[in-house]
């Protein structure tokens, strides 16, 4: 049966308008004629009859089997326009408009953190990403998404999985590129006895890993994993949030710096390990607020070891349960706010009642950003511009930075 793709959904699937509702067709593009077998609300065994002018050959040899990337079949220009439209639509749903700057997209082979799945097999180890909506693991030795340093660490990950993995249960290996070498955190591995701990420690040395954590416990550390933010070197806590690419981080930081301008006293909300606050401390005093003790402790250590930056104070605080109140913003020139995907609805309400002249907002969820932006604009703030940033290349994820002023 033949169908025409009407548009893309927010997860990147093509949508067919059927008589009984929407049908989702993976790896299709608007305007394409396709056929396939309808199974529930999905189209299986999709065959492209009339391809879109925006369809391209996927740059990765694993694209058809790996579920890590959803949009390699679309041109960069199409994806850029689609992601920009996602942001524009989210704003419009809240009755908002803004100057949307041209999207900034991280290059291929730039992802500096990833989580791969692995399990032992009769012949060794199978490691990679899952196929779409499947528990089938696909090896990705030629992955075009990950930084080459992560690909180079695959033999280390496979050796770890062979030593501590199971044939009946998958394990996850989260790997992060740091200035001290790859940092690996394993979950789902077999409980490590004393012999296995020694063997894992030897692997850390043999492969030059900076650290290996096992089900939340540090097994071995050859060197403290470090990240650099401005003039500060920050010790990376196990499992700490980090922007996925250095290029994307730089783009967001440039936007934040532009947004706060010459501000001399800044509050950094959801400060993390200091991604924005520590570089801003080169020119301004920073008060960093974060609910995760380990991340805030790392930020403080980075500040204390740095030279040539201004004072950075901090406050451990759950901003969802206890947002800063309006009077706590007195005396500050600007606020930087970078919440998780859930946004910062409660904090936005109190921030809206403050008199802080400038707000630099960073978000990884256009929908919650637009919701929070409406709270601010209804209180008198102006949304001046939005910069769309694509750090998750070939995926449906969208990030952005924006400036609000009174």
Protein backbone atom coordinates (compact mmCIF):
# COMPACT_ATOMS: atom_id res chain seq x y z
CA UNK A 1 0.00 0.00 0.00
CA UNK A 2 1.31 3.46 -0.95
CA UNK A 3 1.49 6.40 1.45
CA UNK A 4 2.72 9.99 1.40
CA UNK A 5 4.72 11.40 4.29
CA UNK A 6 3.01 14.57 5.52
CA UNK A 7 5.56 15.82 8.06
CA UNK A 8 8.09 14.77 10.68
CA UNK A 9 7.22 14.07 14.30
CA UNK A 10 9.29 15.44 17.15
CA UNK A 11 11.29 12.19 17.33
CA UNK A 12 12.19 12.33 13.63
CA UNK A 13 9.74 9.76 12.26
CA UNK A 14 7.75 10.57 9.16
CA UNK A 15 4.02 10.92 9.83
CA UNK A 16 1.30 9.58 7.55
CA UNK A 17 -2.18 10.98 8.09
CA UNK A 18 -4.31 7.85 8.10
CA UNK A 19 -8.13 7.70 8.39
CA UNK A 20 -7.81 6.37 11.94
CA UNK A 21 -4.95 8.57 13.09
CA UNK A 22 -1.24 9.07 12.52
CA UNK A 23 1.04 6.32 11.26
CA UNK A 24 4.77 6.67 11.97
CA UNK A 25 7.31 5.70 9.32
CA UNK A 26 10.98 5.65 10.42
CA UNK A 27 13.71 7.19 8.29
CA UNK A 28 11.36 8.95 5.91
CA UNK A 29 11.04 12.60 4.92
CA UNK A 30 8.11 14.94 4.15
CA UNK A 31 6.74 14.57 0.62
CA UNK A 32 8.13 11.09 0.06
CA UNK A 33 5.93 8.33 -1.37
CA UNK A 34 6.52 5.07 0.45
CA UNK A 35 5.00 1.66 0.88
CA UNK A 36 5.12 -0.81 3.72
CA UNK A 37 3.06 -2.83 6.15
CA UNK A 38 0.96 -1.06 8.76
CA UNK A 39 1.45 -2.56 12.22
CA UNK A 40 -0.51 -0.65 14.81
CA UNK A 41 0.56 2.98 14.50
CA UNK A 42 3.83 2.16 12.70
CA UNK A 43 4.82 1.38 9.13
CA UNK A 44 7.13 -1.64 8.89
CA UNK A 45 9.29 -2.79 5.96
CA UNK A 46 9.36 0.75 4.61
CA UNK A 47 10.37 1.14 0.97
CA UNK A 48 11.00 4.59 -0.54
CA UNK A 49 9.20 4.94 -3.88
CA UNK A 50 9.74 8.66 -4.50
CA UNK A 51 12.65 10.06 -2.48
CA UNK A 52 12.78 13.62 -1.19
CA UNK A 53 15.30 16.03 -2.67
CA UNK A 54 16.63 16.28 0.90
CA UNK A 55 17.41 12.56 1.13
CA UNK A 56 21.14 11.76 1.22
CA UNK A 57 23.30 8.69 1.55
CA UNK A 58 24.01 8.17 5.26
CA UNK A 59 27.66 8.99 6.01
CA UNK A 60 27.97 6.09 8.47
CA UNK A 61 28.15 2.45 7.40
CA UNK A 62 26.17 1.49 10.51
CA UNK A 63 23.24 3.83 9.81
CA UNK A 64 20.74 1.18 8.65
CA UNK A 65 21.20 -1.11 11.63
CA UNK A 66 22.31 1.12 14.51
CA UNK A 67 19.71 3.03 16.50
CA UNK A 68 22.15 5.69 17.69
CA UNK A 69 21.39 8.19 14.92
CA UNK A 70 17.91 8.90 13.57
CA UNK A 71 18.50 11.50 10.85
CA UNK A 72 21.49 10.46 8.77
CA UNK A 73 19.22 10.01 5.77
CA UNK A 74 18.47 13.77 5.67
CA UNK A 75 20.69 16.58 4.42
CA UNK A 76 22.36 18.86 6.94
CA UNK A 77 20.35 21.80 5.60
CA UNK A 78 17.08 19.95 6.11
CA UNK A 79 17.96 18.90 9.68
CA UNK A 80 19.05 22.44 10.52
CA UNK A 81 15.76 23.87 9.29
CA UNK A 82 13.76 21.12 11.04
CA UNK A 83 15.43 21.74 14.40
CA UNK A 84 15.03 25.49 14.08
CA UNK A 85 11.35 24.93 13.31
CA UNK A 86 11.01 22.79 16.46
CA UNK A 87 12.16 25.78 18.54
CA UNK A 88 9.99 28.24 16.63
CA UNK A 89 6.93 25.99 17.03
CA UNK A 90 7.55 25.56 20.77
CA UNK A 91 7.70 29.33 21.21
CA UNK A 92 4.58 29.86 19.08
CA UNK A 93 2.67 27.37 21.24
CA UNK A 94 3.24 29.79 24.14
CA UNK A 95 2.37 32.84 22.03
CA UNK A 96 6.01 33.91 21.75
CA UNK A 97 8.23 35.06 18.92
CA UNK A 98 11.95 35.72 18.88
CA UNK A 99 14.87 36.40 16.60
CA UNK A 100 16.17 32.87 15.87
CA UNK A 101 19.79 32.96 14.84
CA UNK A 102 21.19 30.43 12.33
CA UNK A 103 21.77 27.06 13.96
CA UNK A 104 25.25 26.02 15.10
CA UNK A 105 25.87 22.30 14.54
CA UNK A 106 28.67 20.24 16.05
CA UNK A 107 30.79 18.47 13.42
CA UNK A 108 30.87 14.70 12.86
CA UNK A 109 33.10 12.65 15.17
CA UNK A 110 32.91 15.20 17.96
CA UNK A 111 30.87 13.51 20.72
CA UNK A 112 33.11 13.33 23.78
CA UNK A 113 30.83 11.21 25.95
CA UNK A 114 28.67 8.18 25.17
CA UNK A 115 27.17 5.11 26.80
CA UNK A 116 27.62 1.83 25.00
CA UNK A 117 26.01 -1.49 25.85
CA UNK A 118 27.99 -4.73 25.95
CA UNK A 119 27.68 -8.39 26.84
CA UNK A 120 29.91 -11.39 26.68
CA UNK A 121 29.35 -13.90 23.92
CA UNK A 122 30.64 -17.39 23.32
CA UNK A 123 33.34 -15.97 21.10
CA UNK A 124 34.20 -12.80 22.99
CA UNK A 125 32.28 -9.55 23.44
CA UNK A 126 29.53 -7.76 21.54
CA UNK A 127 29.53 -4.00 22.17
CA UNK A 128 27.79 -1.05 20.55
CA UNK A 129 24.39 0.60 20.34
CA UNK A 130 20.96 -0.98 20.15
CA UNK A 131 19.02 -1.18 16.93
CA UNK A 132 15.95 1.01 16.83
CA UNK A 133 13.29 -0.18 19.32
CA UNK A 134 15.18 -3.43 19.80
CA UNK A 135 17.43 -5.26 22.24
CA UNK A 136 19.71 -6.25 19.34
CA UNK A 137 23.23 -4.88 19.81
CA UNK A 138 25.09 -3.48 16.81
CA UNK A 139 28.84 -3.01 16.79
CA UNK A 140 29.89 0.48 15.65
CA UNK A 141 33.65 0.46 14.94
CA UNK A 142 33.24 3.07 12.17
CA UNK A 143 30.87 5.35 14.11
CA UNK A 144 30.78 8.85 12.61
CA UNK A 145 29.32 10.41 15.76
CA UNK A 146 31.92 9.64 18.42
CA UNK A 147 35.22 11.44 18.84
CA UNK A 148 38.17 9.35 17.56
CA UNK A 149 39.56 9.18 21.10
CA UNK A 150 36.43 7.29 22.18
CA UNK A 151 36.71 4.93 19.22
CA UNK A 152 40.35 4.33 20.16
CA UNK A 153 39.21 3.26 23.62
CA UNK A 154 36.93 0.50 22.27
CA UNK A 155 39.56 -2.24 22.87
CA UNK A 156 39.72 -1.17 26.52
CA UNK A 157 35.93 -1.27 26.84
CA UNK A 158 35.79 -4.70 25.22
CA UNK A 159 38.47 -6.00 27.58
CA UNK A 160 36.53 -4.66 30.55
CA UNK A 161 33.32 -6.26 29.30
CA UNK A 162 35.07 -9.58 28.71
CA UNK A 163 36.44 -9.56 32.25
CA UNK A 164 33.40 -8.31 34.14
CA UNK A 165 30.44 -8.89 31.86
CA UNK A 166 27.85 -11.64 31.65
CA UNK A 167 26.42 -13.70 28.82
CA UNK A 168 22.92 -13.31 30.25
CA UNK A 169 22.89 -9.62 31.17
CA UNK A 170 23.99 -6.47 29.38
CA UNK A 171 26.27 -3.94 30.98
CA UNK A 172 26.53 -0.23 30.20
CA UNK A 173 29.87 1.45 29.70
CA UNK A 174 29.75 5.23 29.93
CA UNK A 175 32.93 6.75 28.54
CA UNK A 176 33.99 10.39 28.69
CA UNK A 177 36.93 12.06 26.98
CA UNK A 178 38.84 14.08 29.59
CA UNK A 179 42.16 15.91 29.58
CA UNK A 180 43.58 13.03 31.67
CA UNK A 181 42.42 10.23 29.39
CA UNK A 182 39.18 8.23 29.01
CA UNK A 183 36.99 8.02 32.11
CA UNK A 184 34.86 4.86 32.19
CA UNK A 185 31.88 4.17 34.44
CA UNK A 186 30.34 0.67 34.30
CA UNK A 187 26.87 -0.26 35.47
CA UNK A 188 25.40 -3.73 35.32
CA UNK A 189 28.71 -5.54 35.67
CA UNK A 190 29.11 -8.63 37.82
CA UNK A 191 29.96 -7.92 41.48
CA UNK A 192 33.72 -7.47 41.55
CA UNK A 193 35.70 -9.70 43.92
CA UNK A 194 39.26 -8.96 44.99
CA UNK A 195 40.82 -10.84 42.09
CA UNK A 196 38.63 -9.13 39.53
CA UNK A 197 39.40 -5.73 41.06
CA UNK A 198 43.11 -6.34 40.58
CA UNK A 199 42.56 -7.47 37.00
CA UNK A 200 40.42 -4.41 36.24
CA UNK A 201 43.06 -2.12 37.76
CA UNK A 202 45.64 -3.68 35.45
CA UNK A 203 43.42 -2.90 32.47
CA UNK A 204 43.24 0.74 33.55
CA UNK A 205 47.04 0.92 33.49
CA UNK A 206 47.43 -1.12 30.32
CA UNK A 207 45.00 0.97 28.28
CA UNK A 208 45.84 4.36 29.82
CA UNK A 209 42.37 5.02 31.22
CA UNK A 210 42.12 7.83 33.74
CA UNK A 211 39.57 6.08 35.97
CA UNK A 212 37.29 3.07 36.12
CA UNK A 213 34.12 3.06 38.21
CA UNK A 214 32.14 -0.13 38.80
CA UNK A 215 28.47 0.09 39.77
CA UNK A 216 29.12 3.48 41.37
CA UNK A 217 32.40 2.58 43.11
CA UNK A 218 35.82 3.71 41.89
CA UNK A 219 37.80 0.54 41.16
CA UNK A 220 41.01 2.16 39.91
CA UNK A 221 42.27 5.64 39.10
CA UNK A 222 45.48 6.20 37.18
CA UNK A 223 44.94 9.97 37.04
CA UNK A 224 42.14 12.25 38.21
CA UNK A 225 39.82 12.89 35.24
CA UNK A 226 39.90 16.63 34.61
CA UNK A 227 37.92 19.09 32.47
CA UNK A 228 38.99 22.63 31.68
CA UNK A 229 36.54 25.53 31.88
CA UNK A 230 38.19 28.83 31.10
CA UNK A 231 41.25 29.06 33.36
CA UNK A 232 40.01 26.41 35.77
CA UNK A 233 40.78 22.69 35.76
CA UNK A 234 37.90 20.83 37.38
CA UNK A 235 38.03 17.24 38.73
CA UNK A 236 35.19 15.34 37.07
CA UNK A 237 32.89 13.49 39.50
CA UNK A 238 31.67 10.05 38.49
CA UNK A 239 28.56 10.45 36.34
CA UNK A 240 28.66 14.26 36.29
CA UNK A 241 26.80 16.13 33.57
CA UNK A 242 28.97 17.40 30.74
CA UNK A 243 28.04 19.08 27.47
CA UNK A 244 28.28 16.37 24.78
CA UNK A 245 30.72 18.18 22.47
CA UNK A 246 33.47 20.73 23.03
CA UNK A 247 32.22 22.67 20.01
CA UNK A 248 28.67 22.84 21.35
CA UNK A 249 29.90 23.91 24.76
CA UNK A 250 31.95 26.68 23.17
CA UNK A 251 28.93 27.90 21.18
CA UNK A 252 26.71 27.99 24.27
CA UNK A 253 29.40 29.71 26.33
CA UNK A 254 29.85 32.38 23.65
CA UNK A 255 26.11 33.04 23.77
CA UNK A 256 26.09 33.25 27.57
CA UNK A 257 29.02 35.67 27.54
CA UNK A 258 27.27 37.83 24.96
CA UNK A 259 24.02 37.75 26.92
CA UNK A 260 25.47 38.82 30.27
CA UNK A 261 27.72 41.43 28.66
CA UNK A 262 29.69 43.56 31.15
CA UNK A 263 27.90 42.21 34.24
CA UNK A 264 30.17 42.18 37.27
CA UNK A 265 28.07 40.09 39.69
CA UNK A 266 26.33 36.99 38.32
CA UNK A 267 24.25 34.17 39.78
CA UNK A 268 24.77 30.84 38.02
CA UNK A 269 21.70 28.62 38.56
CA UNK A 270 21.97 24.84 38.02
CA UNK A 271 25.69 25.55 37.86
CA UNK A 272 26.85 21.94 37.48
CA UNK A 273 30.64 21.66 37.52
CA UNK A 274 31.13 25.23 36.34
CA UNK A 275 30.69 25.00 32.58
CA UNK A 276 29.58 28.63 32.38
CA UNK A 277 30.30 30.05 35.81
CA UNK A 278 34.04 29.41 35.87
CA UNK A 279 34.81 31.01 32.48
CA UNK A 280 32.58 33.98 33.42
CA UNK A 281 34.63 34.37 36.62
CA UNK A 282 37.46 35.78 34.54
CA UNK A 283 35.51 39.06 34.49
CA UNK A 284 32.78 38.78 37.13
CA UNK A 285 32.11 37.54 40.64
CA UNK A 286 30.01 34.39 40.48
CA UNK A 287 27.59 32.82 42.94
CA UNK A 288 27.04 29.23 41.82
CA UNK A 289 23.90 27.36 42.93
CA UNK A 290 23.58 23.61 42.36
CA UNK A 291 21.73 20.74 44.01
CA UNK A 292 24.30 18.02 43.34
CA UNK A 293 26.92 18.06 46.11
CA UNK A 294 29.60 16.21 44.11
CA UNK A 295 29.35 18.59 41.15
CA UNK A 296 29.38 21.71 43.31
CA UNK A 297 32.37 20.38 45.27
CA UNK A 298 34.21 19.84 41.99
CA UNK A 299 33.36 23.38 40.87
CA UNK A 300 34.73 24.76 44.13
CA UNK A 301 37.96 22.78 43.78
CA UNK A 302 38.36 24.08 40.23
CA UNK A 303 37.91 27.65 41.44
CA UNK A 304 40.42 27.25 44.28
CA UNK A 305 43.09 25.80 41.97
CA UNK A 306 42.60 28.43 39.24
CA UNK A 307 44.65 31.60 38.86
CA UNK A 308 43.52 34.94 37.51
CA UNK A 309 39.77 34.63 38.17
CA UNK A 310 37.48 36.52 40.48
CA UNK A 311 35.68 35.17 43.53
CA UNK A 312 33.30 32.22 43.09
CA UNK A 313 30.98 31.45 45.99
CA UNK A 314 28.53 28.55 46.03
CA UNK A 315 25.34 27.25 47.59
CA UNK A 316 24.10 23.64 47.65
CA UNK A 317 20.40 23.94 46.98
CA UNK A 318 17.58 22.00 45.33
CA UNK A 319 16.18 24.66 43.03
CA UNK A 320 13.05 22.60 42.35
CA UNK A 321 12.03 22.40 45.99
CA UNK A 322 13.58 25.66 47.16
CA UNK A 323 14.13 28.14 44.32
CA UNK A 324 15.92 31.39 45.01
CA UNK A 325 13.47 34.06 46.13
CA UNK A 326 13.27 37.52 44.49
CA UNK A 327 15.16 39.30 47.27
CA UNK A 328 18.10 36.88 46.89
CA UNK A 329 18.81 38.34 43.46
CA UNK A 330 19.36 41.85 44.81
CA UNK A 331 22.71 43.33 43.89
CA UNK A 332 23.30 40.99 40.95
CA UNK A 333 23.68 42.24 37.38
CA UNK A 334 22.78 39.02 35.57
CA UNK A 335 21.57 35.45 35.99
CA UNK A 336 22.66 32.37 34.06
CA UNK A 337 20.18 29.49 34.20
CA UNK A 338 20.77 26.06 32.64
CA UNK A 339 18.21 23.58 34.02
CA UNK A 340 17.72 19.90 33.10
CA UNK A 341 15.13 18.86 30.51
CA UNK A 342 12.29 19.43 32.97
CA UNK A 343 13.04 23.16 32.86
CA UNK A 344 12.82 25.49 35.83
CA UNK A 345 9.18 26.44 36.26
CA UNK A 346 9.31 27.19 39.99
CA UNK A 347 12.57 29.12 39.70
CA UNK A 348 11.26 31.06 36.71
CA UNK A 349 8.30 32.30 38.74
CA UNK A 350 10.52 33.75 41.47
CA UNK A 351 13.08 35.00 38.95
CA UNK A 352 10.27 36.79 37.10
CA UNK A 353 9.56 38.80 40.25
CA UNK A 354 13.17 39.87 40.65
CA UNK A 355 14.72 42.98 39.17
CA UNK A 356 17.76 41.32 37.62
CA UNK A 357 18.29 43.23 34.37
CA UNK A 358 19.70 40.36 32.26
CA UNK A 359 19.02 36.62 32.10
CA UNK A 360 21.12 34.23 30.00
CA UNK A 361 19.12 31.03 29.55
CA UNK A 362 20.42 27.69 28.26
CA UNK A 363 18.06 24.79 27.57
CA UNK A 364 18.06 21.27 26.15
CA UNK A 365 14.26 21.18 25.82
CA UNK A 366 12.51 23.78 23.61
CA UNK A 367 9.09 22.96 25.11
CA UNK A 368 10.04 23.62 28.73
CA UNK A 369 12.16 26.59 27.69
CA UNK A 370 9.14 28.14 25.96
CA UNK A 371 6.98 27.50 29.02
CA UNK A 372 9.51 29.19 31.30
CA UNK A 373 10.09 31.99 28.78
CA UNK A 374 6.39 32.83 28.86
CA UNK A 375 6.57 33.20 32.66
CA UNK A 376 9.41 35.69 32.28
CA UNK A 377 7.88 37.66 29.42
CA UNK A 378 4.55 37.96 31.19
CA UNK A 379 6.43 39.61 34.05
CA UNK A 380 7.98 42.20 31.76
CA UNK A 381 11.13 40.55 30.44
CA UNK A 382 11.86 40.75 26.73
CA UNK A 383 13.12 37.72 24.82
CA UNK A 384 15.71 39.35 22.58
CA UNK A 385 17.18 36.44 20.67
CA UNK A 386 17.51 32.65 20.61
CA UNK A 387 20.51 30.72 19.35
CA UNK A 388 19.72 27.15 18.33
CA UNK A 389 22.60 24.73 18.95
CA UNK A 390 22.75 21.15 17.62
CA UNK A 391 25.17 19.14 19.77
CA UNK A 392 23.33 15.87 19.21
CA UNK A 393 24.01 15.63 15.49
CA UNK A 394 21.68 13.33 13.51
CA UNK A 395 19.27 13.08 16.45
CA UNK A 396 15.97 14.82 17.32
CA UNK A 397 17.52 16.61 20.32
CA UNK A 398 17.77 20.41 20.24
CA UNK A 399 19.59 22.83 22.53
CA UNK A 400 19.52 26.60 22.66
CA UNK A 401 20.70 29.72 24.42
CA UNK A 402 18.74 32.95 24.79
CA UNK A 403 18.86 36.43 26.27
CA UNK A 404 16.12 38.13 28.33
CA UNK A 405 16.29 41.75 29.48
CA UNK A 406 14.00 44.03 31.44
